[in-house]
Amino acid sequence: MACSLDIEVSSFMEYDEKYACMYLFGIGVNGRVIIGRTYKEMISILDGLCELYELNQNKRLIIYIHNLSYE
């Protein structure tokens, strides 16, 4: 099963400090894409995938992350 994750992030300066925040994510699973906007939604979707595919210590789903070094 193919699975991938990508998030889009925006950064800004405030009081000489640099901040970044996610504004969109996409999870691709077997040719279908799930889009969301918050980390809470992303965790909920990942929990749902664990339940749907009955994932556990012995049965895992590998998720390829686009530009992992920047995420």
PDB file of N, CA and C in Angstrom:
ATOM      1  N   MET A   1       0.844  -1.164   0.000  1.00  0.00           N
ATOM      2  CA  MET A   1       0.000   0.000   0.000  1.00  0.00           C
ATOM      3  C   MET A   1       0.897   1.237   0.000  1.00  0.00           C
ATOM      4  N   ALA A   2       0.611   2.190  -0.867  1.00  0.00           N
ATOM      5  CA  ALA A   2       1.381   3.427  -0.962  1.00  0.00           C
ATOM      6  C   ALA A   2       0.749   4.504  -0.085  1.00  0.00           C
ATOM      7  N   CYS A   3       1.596   5.220   0.678  1.00  0.00           N
ATOM      8  CA  CYS A   3       1.102   6.289   1.541  1.00  0.00           C
ATOM      9  C   CYS A   3       2.145   7.403   1.591  1.00  0.00           C
ATOM     10  N   SER A   4       1.676   8.654   1.501  1.00  0.00           N
ATOM     11  CA  SER A   4       2.590   9.793   1.564  1.00  0.00           C
ATOM     12  C   SER A   4       1.949  10.939   2.330  1.00  0.00           C
ATOM     13  N   LEU A   5       2.799  11.849   2.789  1.00  0.00           N
ATOM     14  CA  LEU A   5       2.350  12.997   3.572  1.00  0.00           C
ATOM     15  C   LEU A   5       3.124  14.231   3.128  1.00  0.00           C
ATOM     16  N   ASP A   6       2.422  15.350   3.011  1.00  0.00           N
ATOM     17  CA  ASP A   6       3.068  16.625   2.707  1.00  0.00           C
ATOM     18  C   ASP A   6       2.350  17.707   3.494  1.00  0.00           C
ATOM     19  N   ILE A   7       3.115  18.629   4.059  1.00  0.00           N
ATOM     20  CA  ILE A   7       2.503  19.769   4.724  1.00  0.00           C
ATOM     21  C   ILE A   7       3.019  21.048   4.084  1.00  0.00           C
ATOM     22  N   GLU A   8       2.208  22.077   4.115  1.00  0.00           N
ATOM     23  CA  GLU A   8       2.590  23.395   3.623  1.00  0.00           C
ATOM     24  C   GLU A   8       2.702  24.309   4.835  1.00  0.00           C
ATOM     25  N   VAL A   9       3.801  25.063   4.873  1.00  0.00           N
ATOM     26  CA  VAL A   9       4.116  25.878   6.038  1.00  0.00           C
ATOM     27  C   VAL A   9       4.400  27.302   5.596  1.00  0.00           C
ATOM     28  N   SER A  10       4.007  28.244   6.426  1.00  0.00           N
ATOM     29  CA  SER A  10       4.337  29.646   6.204  1.00  0.00           C
ATOM     30  C   SER A  10       5.147  30.129   7.395  1.00  0.00           C
ATOM     31  N   SER A  11       6.115  31.001   7.154  1.00  0.00           N
ATOM     32  CA  SER A  11       6.916  31.532   8.259  1.00  0.00           C
ATOM     33  C   SER A  11       6.800  33.052   8.287  1.00  0.00           C
ATOM     34  N   PHE A  12       7.045  33.608   9.447  1.00  0.00           N
ATOM     35  CA  PHE A  12       6.953  35.055   9.625  1.00  0.00           C
ATOM     36  C   PHE A  12       7.839  35.477  10.793  1.00  0.00           C
ATOM     37  N   MET A  13       8.147  36.755  10.835  1.00  0.00           N
ATOM     38  CA  MET A  13       8.956  37.329  11.914  1.00  0.00           C
ATOM     39  C   MET A  13       8.047  38.138  12.837  1.00  0.00           C
ATOM     40  N   GLU A  14       8.277  37.983  14.136  1.00  0.00           N
ATOM     41  CA  GLU A  14       7.558  38.774  15.124  1.00  0.00           C
ATOM     42  C   GLU A  14       8.503  39.061  16.278  1.00  0.00           C
ATOM     43  N   TYR A  15       8.726  40.335  16.566  1.00  0.00           N
ATOM     44  CA  TYR A  15       9.640  40.738  17.635  1.00  0.00           C
ATOM     45  C   TYR A  15      11.009  40.069  17.500  1.00  0.00           C
ATOM     46  N   ASP A  16      11.560  40.120  16.300  1.00  0.00           N
ATOM     47  CA  ASP A  16      12.876  39.549  15.987  1.00  0.00           C
ATOM     48  C   ASP A  16      12.967  38.040  16.195  1.00  0.00           C
ATOM     49  N   GLU A  17      11.852  37.355  16.274  1.00  0.00           N
ATOM     50  CA  GLU A  17      11.810  35.891  16.379  1.00  0.00           C
ATOM     51  C   GLU A  17      11.143  35.357  15.120  1.00  0.00           C
ATOM     52  N   LYS A  18      11.679  34.256  14.585  1.00  0.00           N
ATOM     53  CA  LYS A  18      11.068  33.640  13.406  1.00  0.00           C
ATOM     54  C   LYS A  18      10.134  32.518  13.854  1.00  0.00           C
ATOM     55  N   TYR A  19       8.919  32.516  13.315  1.00  0.00           N
ATOM     56  CA  TYR A  19       7.918  31.501  13.616  1.00  0.00           C
ATOM     57  C   TYR A  19       7.462  30.848  12.323  1.00  0.00           C
ATOM     58  N   ALA A  20       6.970  29.625  12.447  1.00  0.00           N
ATOM     59  CA  ALA A  20       6.415  28.919  11.295  1.00  0.00           C
ATOM     60  C   ALA A  20       5.144  28.207  11.736  1.00  0.00           C
ATOM     61  N   CYS A  21       4.196  28.120  10.831  1.00  0.00           N
ATOM     62  CA  CYS A  21       2.960  27.400  11.151  1.00  0.00           C
ATOM     63  C   CYS A  21       2.450  26.682   9.902  1.00  0.00           C
ATOM     64  N   MET A  22       1.871  25.519  10.138  1.00  0.00           N
ATOM     65  CA  MET A  22       1.298  24.734   9.058  1.00  0.00           C
ATOM     66  C   MET A  22      -0.069  25.312   8.708  1.00  0.00           C
ATOM     67  N   TYR A  23      -0.375  25.409   7.422  1.00  0.00           N
ATOM     68  CA  TYR A  23      -1.698  25.875   7.027  1.00  0.00           C
ATOM     69  C   TYR A  23      -2.450  24.852   6.176  1.00  0.00           C
ATOM     70  N   LEU A  24      -1.786  23.761   5.800  1.00  0.00           N
ATOM     71  CA  LEU A  24      -2.447  22.751   4.966  1.00  0.00           C
ATOM     72  C   LEU A  24      -1.618  21.474   4.997  1.00  0.00           C
ATOM     73  N   PHE A  25      -2.299  20.323   4.985  1.00  0.00           N
ATOM     74  CA  PHE A  25      -1.587  19.059   4.834  1.00  0.00           C
ATOM     75  C   PHE A  25      -2.377  18.167   3.892  1.00  0.00           C
ATOM     76  N   GLY A  26      -1.669  17.229   3.300  1.00  0.00           N
ATOM     77  CA  GLY A  26      -2.299  16.233   2.445  1.00  0.00           C
ATOM     78  C   GLY A  26      -1.697  14.866   2.739  1.00  0.00           C
ATOM     79  N   ILE A  27      -2.567  13.885   2.891  1.00  0.00           N
ATOM     80  CA  ILE A  27      -2.132  12.506   3.089  1.00  0.00           C
ATOM     81  C   ILE A  27      -2.679  11.704   1.908  1.00  0.00           C
ATOM     82  N   GLY A  28      -1.782  11.058   1.189  1.00  0.00           N
ATOM     83  CA  GLY A  28      -2.187  10.231   0.067  1.00  0.00           C
ATOM     84  C   GLY A  28      -2.135   8.763   0.452  1.00  0.00           C
ATOM     85  N   VAL A  29      -3.234   8.049   0.223  1.00  0.00           N
ATOM     86  CA  VAL A  29      -3.304   6.622   0.536  1.00  0.00           C
ATOM     87  C   VAL A  29      -3.928   5.899  -0.649  1.00  0.00           C
ATOM     88  N   ASN A  30      -3.139   5.060  -1.301  1.00  0.00           N
ATOM     89  CA  ASN A  30      -3.625   4.263  -2.440  1.00  0.00           C
ATOM     90  C   ASN A  30      -4.365   5.088  -3.488  1.00  0.00           C
ATOM     91  N   GLY A  31      -3.797   6.223  -3.864  1.00  0.00           N
ATOM     92  CA  GLY A  31      -4.378   7.035  -4.921  1.00  0.00           C
ATOM     93  C   GLY A  31      -5.458   8.007  -4.463  1.00  0.00           C
ATOM     94  N   ARG A  32      -5.809   7.984  -3.200  1.00  0.00           N
ATOM     95  CA  ARG A  32      -6.794   8.939  -2.658  1.00  0.00           C
ATOM     96  C   ARG A  32      -6.059   9.950  -1.795  1.00  0.00           C
ATOM     97  N   VAL A  33      -6.551  11.190  -1.793  1.00  0.00           N
ATOM     98  CA  VAL A  33      -5.903  12.246  -1.024  1.00  0.00           C
ATOM     99  C   VAL A  33      -6.874  12.795   0.019  1.00  0.00           C
ATOM    100  N   ILE A  34      -6.372  12.897   1.238  1.00  0.00           N
ATOM    101  CA  ILE A  34      -7.132  13.489   2.336  1.00  0.00           C
ATOM    102  C   ILE A  34      -6.444  14.806   2.674  1.00  0.00           C
ATOM    103  N   ILE A  35      -7.210  15.894   2.684  1.00  0.00           N
ATOM    104  CA  ILE A  35      -6.652  17.217   2.935  1.00  0.00           C
ATOM    105  C   ILE A  35      -7.226  17.759   4.234  1.00  0.00           C
ATOM    106  N   GLY A  36      -6.375  18.419   5.007  1.00  0.00           N
ATOM    107  CA  GLY A  36      -6.824  19.032   6.246  1.00  0.00           C
ATOM    108  C   GLY A  36      -6.022  20.273   6.552  1.00  0.00           C
ATOM    109  N   ARG A  37      -6.369  20.934   7.668  1.00  0.00           N
ATOM    110  CA  ARG A  37      -5.740  22.211   7.987  1.00  0.00           C
ATOM    111  C   ARG A  37      -5.075  22.272   9.357  1.00  0.00           C
ATOM    112  N   THR A  38      -5.369  21.345  10.259  1.00  0.00           N
ATOM    113  CA  THR A  38      -4.805  21.434  11.609  1.00  0.00           C
ATOM    114  C   THR A  38      -4.085  20.138  11.972  1.00  0.00           C
ATOM    115  N   TYR A  39      -3.169  20.253  12.944  1.00  0.00           N
ATOM    116  CA  TYR A  39      -2.477  19.063  13.427  1.00  0.00           C
ATOM    117  C   TYR A  39      -3.460  18.105  14.090  1.00  0.00           C
ATOM    118  N   LYS A  40      -4.477  18.646  14.741  1.00  0.00           N
ATOM    119  CA  LYS A  40      -5.494  17.799  15.374  1.00  0.00           C
ATOM    120  C   LYS A  40      -6.203  16.939  14.323  1.00  0.00           C
ATOM    121  N   GLU A  41      -6.534  17.532  13.183  1.00  0.00           N
ATOM    122  CA  GLU A  41      -7.153  16.762  12.093  1.00  0.00           C
ATOM    123  C   GLU A  41      -6.198  15.691  11.573  1.00  0.00           C
ATOM    124  N   MET A  42      -4.920  16.042  11.429  1.00  0.00           N
ATOM    125  CA  MET A  42      -3.944  15.091  10.900  1.00  0.00           C
ATOM    126  C   MET A  42      -3.805  13.885  11.833  1.00  0.00           C
ATOM    127  N   ILE A  43      -3.715  14.136  13.124  1.00  0.00           N
ATOM    128  CA  ILE A  43      -3.607  13.036  14.091  1.00  0.00           C
ATOM    129  C   ILE A  43      -4.854  12.171  14.057  1.00  0.00           C
ATOM    130  N   SER A  44      -6.014  12.801  13.931  1.00  0.00           N
ATOM    131  CA  SER A  44      -7.273  12.053  13.853  1.00  0.00           C
ATOM    132  C   SER A  44      -7.301  11.151  12.618  1.00  0.00           C
ATOM    133  N   ILE A  45      -6.835  11.654  11.496  1.00  0.00           N
ATOM    134  CA  ILE A  45      -6.798  10.862  10.262  1.00  0.00           C
ATOM    135  C   ILE A  45      -5.808   9.710  10.400  1.00  0.00           C
ATOM    136  N   LEU A  46      -4.641   9.978  10.965  1.00  0.00           N
ATOM    137  CA  LEU A  46      -3.650   8.912  11.155  1.00  0.00           C
ATOM    138  C   LEU A  46      -4.174   7.848  12.117  1.00  0.00           C
ATOM    139  N   ASP A  47      -4.862   8.275  13.174  1.00  0.00           N
ATOM    140  CA  ASP A  47      -5.490   7.307  14.088  1.00  0.00           C
ATOM    141  C   ASP A  47      -6.531   6.470  13.352  1.00  0.00           C
ATOM    142  N   GLY A  48      -7.305   7.120  12.475  1.00  0.00           N
ATOM    143  CA  GLY A  48      -8.307   6.402  11.679  1.00  0.00           C
ATOM    144  C   GLY A  48      -7.681   5.378  10.754  1.00  0.00           C
ATOM    145  N   LEU A  49      -6.531   5.727  10.152  1.00  0.00           N
ATOM    146  CA  LEU A  49      -5.825   4.772   9.287  1.00  0.00           C
ATOM    147  C   LEU A  49      -5.335   3.572  10.090  1.00  0.00           C
ATOM    148  N   CYS A  50      -4.852   3.839  11.301  1.00  0.00           N
ATOM    149  CA  CYS A  50      -4.406   2.742  12.174  1.00  0.00           C
ATOM    150  C   CYS A  50      -5.559   1.787  12.460  1.00  0.00           C
ATOM    151  N   GLU A  51      -6.712   2.352  12.725  1.00  0.00           N
ATOM    152  CA  GLU A  51      -7.888   1.526  13.019  1.00  0.00           C
ATOM    153  C   GLU A  51      -8.384   0.797  11.775  1.00  0.00           C
ATOM    154  N   LEU A  52      -8.482   1.518  10.659  1.00  0.00           N
ATOM    155  CA  LEU A  52      -8.987   0.932   9.414  1.00  0.00           C
ATOM    156  C   LEU A  52      -8.135  -0.245   8.941  1.00  0.00           C
ATOM    157  N   TYR A  53      -6.812  -0.069   8.990  1.00  0.00           N
ATOM    158  CA  TYR A  53      -5.912  -1.104   8.495  1.00  0.00           C
ATOM    159  C   TYR A  53      -5.406  -2.031   9.605  1.00  0.00           C
ATOM    160  N   GLU A  54      -5.966  -1.892  10.801  1.00  0.00           N
ATOM    161  CA  GLU A  54      -5.620  -2.733  11.951  1.00  0.00           C
ATOM    162  C   GLU A  54      -4.103  -2.763  12.180  1.00  0.00           C
ATOM    163  N   LEU A  55      -3.498  -1.577  12.217  1.00  0.00           N
ATOM    164  CA  LEU A  55      -2.057  -1.467  12.393  1.00  0.00           C
ATOM    165  C   LEU A  55      -1.688  -1.714  13.850  1.00  0.00           C
ATOM    166  N   ASN A  56      -0.510  -2.294  14.050  1.00  0.00           N
ATOM    167  CA  ASN A  56      -0.015  -2.565  15.397  1.00  0.00           C
ATOM    168  C   ASN A  56       1.508  -2.694  15.325  1.00  0.00           C
ATOM    169  N   GLN A  57       2.121  -3.218  16.374  1.00  0.00           N
ATOM    170  CA  GLN A  57       3.583  -3.355  16.410  1.00  0.00           C
ATOM    171  C   GLN A  57       4.106  -4.247  15.281  1.00  0.00           C
ATOM    172  N   ASN A  58       3.309  -5.200  14.842  1.00  0.00           N
ATOM    173  CA  ASN A  58       3.741  -6.147  13.813  1.00  0.00           C
ATOM    174  C   ASN A  58       3.232  -5.800  12.420  1.00  0.00           C
ATOM    175  N   LYS A  59       2.243  -4.952  12.330  1.00  0.00           N
ATOM    176  CA  LYS A  59       1.671  -4.554  11.046  1.00  0.00           C
ATOM    177  C   LYS A  59       1.727  -3.038  10.965  1.00  0.00           C
ATOM    178  N   ARG A  60       2.632  -2.541  10.142  1.00  0.00           N
ATOM    179  CA  ARG A  60       2.892  -1.101  10.084  1.00  0.00           C
ATOM    180  C   ARG A  60       2.639  -0.541   8.694  1.00  0.00           C
ATOM    181  N   LEU A  61       2.380   0.744   8.662  1.00  0.00           N
ATOM    182  CA  LEU A  61       2.196   1.473   7.410  1.00  0.00           C
ATOM    183  C   LEU A  61       3.364   2.442   7.268  1.00  0.00           C
ATOM    184  N   ILE A  62       4.112   2.319   6.197  1.00  0.00           N
ATOM    185  CA  ILE A  62       5.226   3.230   5.939  1.00  0.00           C
ATOM    186  C   ILE A  62       4.674   4.442   5.210  1.00  0.00           C
ATOM    187  N   ILE A  63       4.949   5.623   5.750  1.00  0.00           N
ATOM    188  CA  ILE A  63       4.471   6.873   5.153  1.00  0.00           C
ATOM    189  C   ILE A  63       5.682   7.646   4.636  1.00  0.00           C
ATOM    190  N   TYR A  64       5.716   7.887   3.342  1.00  0.00           N
ATOM    191  CA  TYR A  64       6.784   8.669   2.732  1.00  0.00           C
ATOM    192  C   TYR A  64       6.430  10.145   2.892  1.00  0.00           C
ATOM    193  N   ILE A  65       7.388  10.936   3.396  1.00  0.00           N
ATOM    194  CA  ILE A  65       7.136  12.345   3.672  1.00  0.00           C
ATOM    195  C   ILE A  65       7.903  13.196   2.673  1.00  0.00           C
ATOM    196  N   HIS A  66       7.171  14.052   1.958  1.00  0.00           N
ATOM    197  CA  HIS A  66       7.760  14.929   0.958  1.00  0.00           C
ATOM    198  C   HIS A  66       8.630  15.966   1.647  1.00  0.00           C
ATOM    199  N   ASN A  67       9.874  16.111   1.205  1.00  0.00           N
ATOM    200  CA  ASN A  67      10.834  17.071   1.776  1.00  0.00           C
ATOM    201  C   ASN A  67      10.976  16.929   3.278  1.00  0.00           C
ATOM    202  N   LEU A  68      11.202  15.725   3.747  1.00  0.00           N
ATOM    203  CA  LEU A  68      11.284  15.441   5.183  1.00  0.00           C
ATOM    204  C   LEU A  68      12.248  16.363   5.916  1.00  0.00           C
ATOM    205  N   SER A  69      13.372  16.689   5.309  1.00  0.00           N
ATOM    206  CA  SER A  69      14.358  17.525   5.992  1.00  0.00           C
ATOM    207  C   SER A  69      13.837  18.921   6.308  1.00  0.00           C
ATOM    208  N   TYR A  70      12.800  19.368   5.586  1.00  0.00           N
ATOM    209  CA  TYR A  70      12.220  20.691   5.843  1.00  0.00           C
ATOM    210  C   TYR A  70      10.980  20.603   6.725  1.00  0.00           C
ATOM    211  N   GLU A  71      10.388  19.428   6.872  1.00  0.00           N
ATOM    212  CA  GLU A  71       9.156  19.289   7.634  1.00  0.00           C
ATOM    213  C   GLU A  71       9.480  19.142   9.093  1.00  0.00           C
TER     214      GLU A  71
END
